[in-house]
PDB file of N, CA and C in Angstrom:
ATOM      1  N   MET A   1       5.790   1.404  -1.844  1.00  0.00           N
ATOM      2  CA  MET A   1       5.345   1.590  -3.235  1.00  0.00           C
ATOM      3  C   MET A   1       4.700   2.968  -3.384  1.00  0.00           C
ATOM      4  N   GLY A   2       3.933   3.378  -2.365  1.00  0.00           N
ATOM      5  CA  GLY A   2       3.264   4.689  -2.440  1.00  0.00           C
ATOM      6  C   GLY A   2       4.271   5.816  -2.610  1.00  0.00           C
ATOM      7  N   ASN A   3       5.366   5.741  -1.826  1.00  0.00           N
ATOM      8  CA  ASN A   3       6.375   6.802  -1.922  1.00  0.00           C
ATOM      9  C   ASN A   3       6.987   6.823  -3.316  1.00  0.00           C
ATOM     10  N   ASN A   4       7.269   5.649  -3.864  1.00  0.00           N
ATOM     11  CA  ASN A   4       7.852   5.578  -5.204  1.00  0.00           C
ATOM     12  C   ASN A   4       6.961   6.277  -6.217  1.00  0.00           C
ATOM     13  N   VAL A   5       5.669   6.000  -6.145  1.00  0.00           N
ATOM     14  CA  VAL A   5       4.726   6.607  -7.092  1.00  0.00           C
ATOM     15  C   VAL A   5       4.723   8.114  -6.927  1.00  0.00           C
ATOM     16  N   GLN A   6       4.764   8.568  -5.679  1.00  0.00           N
ATOM     17  CA  GLN A   6       4.740  10.021  -5.429  1.00  0.00           C
ATOM     18  C   GLN A   6       5.975  10.681  -6.024  1.00  0.00           C
ATOM     19  N   ILE A   7       7.136  10.066  -5.837  1.00  0.00           N
ATOM     20  CA  ILE A   7       8.389  10.636  -6.365  1.00  0.00           C
ATOM     21  C   ILE A   7       8.323  10.675  -7.888  1.00  0.00           C
ATOM     22  N   LEU A   8       7.888   9.579  -8.495  1.00  0.00           N
ATOM     23  CA  LEU A   8       7.778   9.547  -9.958  1.00  0.00           C
ATOM     24  C   LEU A   8       6.795  10.602 -10.424  1.00  0.00           C
ATOM     25  N   TRP A   9       5.700  10.767  -9.691  1.00  0.00           N
ATOM     26  CA  TRP A   9       4.679  11.757 -10.056  1.00  0.00           C
ATOM     27  C   TRP A   9       5.286  13.153 -10.043  1.00  0.00           C
ATOM     28  N   GLN A  10       6.052  13.467  -8.983  1.00  0.00           N
ATOM     29  CA  GLN A  10       6.678  14.795  -8.885  1.00  0.00           C
ATOM     30  C   GLN A  10       7.675  14.998 -10.017  1.00  0.00           C
ATOM     31  N   ARG A  11       8.470  13.991 -10.300  1.00  0.00           N
ATOM     32  CA  ARG A  11       9.456  14.105 -11.386  1.00  0.00           C
ATOM     33  C   ARG A  11       8.749  14.321 -12.711  1.00  0.00           C
ATOM     34  N   PHE A  12       7.664  13.591 -12.916  1.00  0.00           N
ATOM     35  CA  PHE A  12       6.920  13.724 -14.170  1.00  0.00           C
ATOM     36  C   PHE A  12       6.360  15.133 -14.299  1.00  0.00           C
ATOM     37  N   GLN A  13       5.825  15.670 -13.202  1.00  0.00           N
ATOM     38  CA  GLN A  13       5.259  17.026 -13.237  1.00  0.00           C
ATOM     39  C   GLN A  13       6.355  18.040 -13.516  1.00  0.00           C
ATOM     40  N   ASN A  14       7.518  17.859 -12.898  1.00  0.00           N
ATOM     41  CA  ASN A  14       8.637  18.767 -13.158  1.00  0.00           C
ATOM     42  C   ASN A  14       9.015  18.720 -14.631  1.00  0.00           C
ATOM     43  N   TRP A  15       9.015  17.518 -15.204  1.00  0.00           N
ATOM     44  CA  TRP A  15       9.346  17.360 -16.619  1.00  0.00           C
ATOM     45  C   TRP A  15       8.297  18.048 -17.480  1.00  0.00           C
ATOM     46  N   LEU A  16       7.041  17.998 -17.039  1.00  0.00           N
ATOM     47  CA  LEU A  16       5.961  18.641 -17.803  1.00  0.00           C
ATOM     48  C   LEU A  16       6.172  20.144 -17.862  1.00  0.00           C
ATOM     49  N   THR A  17       6.590  20.735 -16.759  1.00  0.00           N
ATOM     50  CA  THR A  17       6.773  22.187 -16.726  1.00  0.00           C
ATOM     51  C   THR A  17       7.825  22.608 -17.745  1.00  0.00           C
ATOM     52  N   MET A  18       8.748  21.714 -18.075  1.00  0.00           N
ATOM     53  CA  MET A  18       9.791  22.051 -19.039  1.00  0.00           C
ATOM     54  C   MET A  18       9.266  21.947 -20.470  1.00  0.00           C
ATOM     55  N   MET A  19       8.135  21.272 -20.662  1.00  0.00           N
ATOM     56  CA  MET A  19       7.574  21.114 -22.010  1.00  0.00           C
ATOM     57  C   MET A  19       6.118  21.572 -22.006  1.00  0.00           C
ATOM     58  N   PRO A  20       5.870  22.880 -22.023  1.00  0.00           N
ATOM     59  CA  PRO A  20       4.509  23.424 -21.947  1.00  0.00           C
ATOM     60  C   PRO A  20       3.593  22.976 -23.086  1.00  0.00           C
ATOM     61  N   PRO A  21       4.064  22.885 -24.319  1.00  0.00           N
ATOM     62  CA  PRO A  21       3.167  22.547 -25.438  1.00  0.00           C
ATOM     63  C   PRO A  21       2.465  21.201 -25.248  1.00  0.00           C
ATOM     64  N   THR A  22       3.160  20.240 -24.674  1.00  0.00           N
ATOM     65  CA  THR A  22       2.562  18.910 -24.532  1.00  0.00           C
ATOM     66  C   THR A  22       1.938  18.719 -23.157  1.00  0.00           C
ATOM     67  N   SER A  23       2.043  19.736 -22.302  1.00  0.00           N
ATOM     68  CA  SER A  23       1.527  19.587 -20.930  1.00  0.00           C
ATOM     69  C   SER A  23       0.038  19.262 -20.944  1.00  0.00           C
ATOM     70  N   THR A  24      -0.720  19.937 -21.792  1.00  0.00           N
ATOM     71  CA  THR A  24      -2.174  19.704 -21.815  1.00  0.00           C
ATOM     72  C   THR A  24      -2.468  18.271 -22.229  1.00  0.00           C
ATOM     73  N   LEU A  25      -1.799  17.801 -23.265  1.00  0.00           N
ATOM     74  CA  LEU A  25      -2.049  16.439 -23.756  1.00  0.00           C
ATOM     75  C   LEU A  25      -1.669  15.419 -22.686  1.00  0.00           C
ATOM     76  N   VAL A  26      -0.493  15.599 -22.107  1.00  0.00           N
ATOM     77  CA  VAL A  26      -0.029  14.646 -21.093  1.00  0.00           C
ATOM     78  C   VAL A  26      -0.912  14.718 -19.857  1.00  0.00           C
ATOM     79  N   ARG A  27      -1.405  15.925 -19.544  1.00  0.00           N
ATOM     80  CA  ARG A  27      -2.257  16.059 -18.350  1.00  0.00           C
ATOM     81  C   ARG A  27      -3.529  15.242 -18.541  1.00  0.00           C
ATOM     82  N   ALA A  28      -4.099  15.288 -19.714  1.00  0.00           N
ATOM     83  CA  ALA A  28      -5.302  14.494 -19.987  1.00  0.00           C
ATOM     84  C   ALA A  28      -4.958  13.009 -19.833  1.00  0.00           C
ATOM     85  N   TYR A  29      -3.784  12.634 -20.329  1.00  0.00           N
ATOM     86  CA  TYR A  29      -3.343  11.240 -20.237  1.00  0.00           C
ATOM     87  C   TYR A  29      -3.172  10.833 -18.772  1.00  0.00           C
ATOM     88  N   MET A  30      -2.551  11.724 -17.980  1.00  0.00           N
ATOM     89  CA  MET A  30      -2.356  11.432 -16.555  1.00  0.00           C
ATOM     90  C   MET A  30      -3.696  11.338 -15.844  1.00  0.00           C
ATOM     91  N   TRP A  31      -4.636  12.199 -16.232  1.00  0.00           N
ATOM     92  CA  TRP A  31      -5.949  12.190 -15.576  1.00  0.00           C
ATOM     93  C   TRP A  31      -6.622  10.832 -15.785  1.00  0.00           C
ATOM     94  N   VAL A  32      -6.515  10.306 -17.017  1.00  0.00           N
ATOM     95  CA  VAL A  32      -7.121   8.999 -17.306  1.00  0.00           C
ATOM     96  C   VAL A  32      -6.470   7.928 -16.432  1.00  0.00           C
ATOM     97  N   ILE A  33      -5.146   7.947 -16.369  1.00  0.00           N
ATOM     98  CA  ILE A  33      -4.439   6.946 -15.555  1.00  0.00           C
ATOM     99  C   ILE A  33      -4.790   7.134 -14.079  1.00  0.00           C
ATOM    100  N   GLY A  34      -4.848   8.388 -13.636  1.00  0.00           N
ATOM    101  CA  GLY A  34      -5.167   8.664 -12.236  1.00  0.00           C
ATOM    102  C   GLY A  34      -6.547   8.141 -11.870  1.00  0.00           C
ATOM    103  N   SER A  35      -7.517   8.374 -12.743  1.00  0.00           N
ATOM    104  CA  SER A  35      -8.877   7.910 -12.446  1.00  0.00           C
ATOM    105  C   SER A  35      -8.892   6.387 -12.365  1.00  0.00           C
ATOM    106  N   ARG A  36      -8.118   5.740 -13.223  1.00  0.00           N
ATOM    107  CA  ARG A  36      -8.062   4.271 -13.196  1.00  0.00           C
ATOM    108  C   ARG A  36      -7.422   3.792 -11.896  1.00  0.00           C
ATOM    109  N   GLY A  37      -6.322   4.436 -11.503  1.00  0.00           N
ATOM    110  CA  GLY A  37      -5.612   4.016 -10.293  1.00  0.00           C
ATOM    111  C   GLY A  37      -6.481   4.185  -9.052  1.00  0.00           C
ATOM    112  N   ASN A  38      -7.238   5.279  -8.990  1.00  0.00           N
ATOM    113  CA  ASN A  38      -8.086   5.520  -7.816  1.00  0.00           C
ATOM    114  C   ASN A  38      -9.134   4.426  -7.681  1.00  0.00           C
ATOM    115  N   HIS A  39      -9.661   3.942  -8.790  1.00  0.00           N
ATOM    116  CA  HIS A  39     -10.670   2.894  -8.724  1.00  0.00           C
ATOM    117  C   HIS A  39     -10.012   1.604  -8.235  1.00  0.00           C
TER     118      HIS A  39
END
């Protein structure tokens, strides 16, 4: 499961680089999810 999440994370980041305008908004969204997952 860990590997799957890592691959999806990399793909998502690659997709973000293609859409700079929304990168900031999505990054904040990812940060919220990341903080939740770490807990």
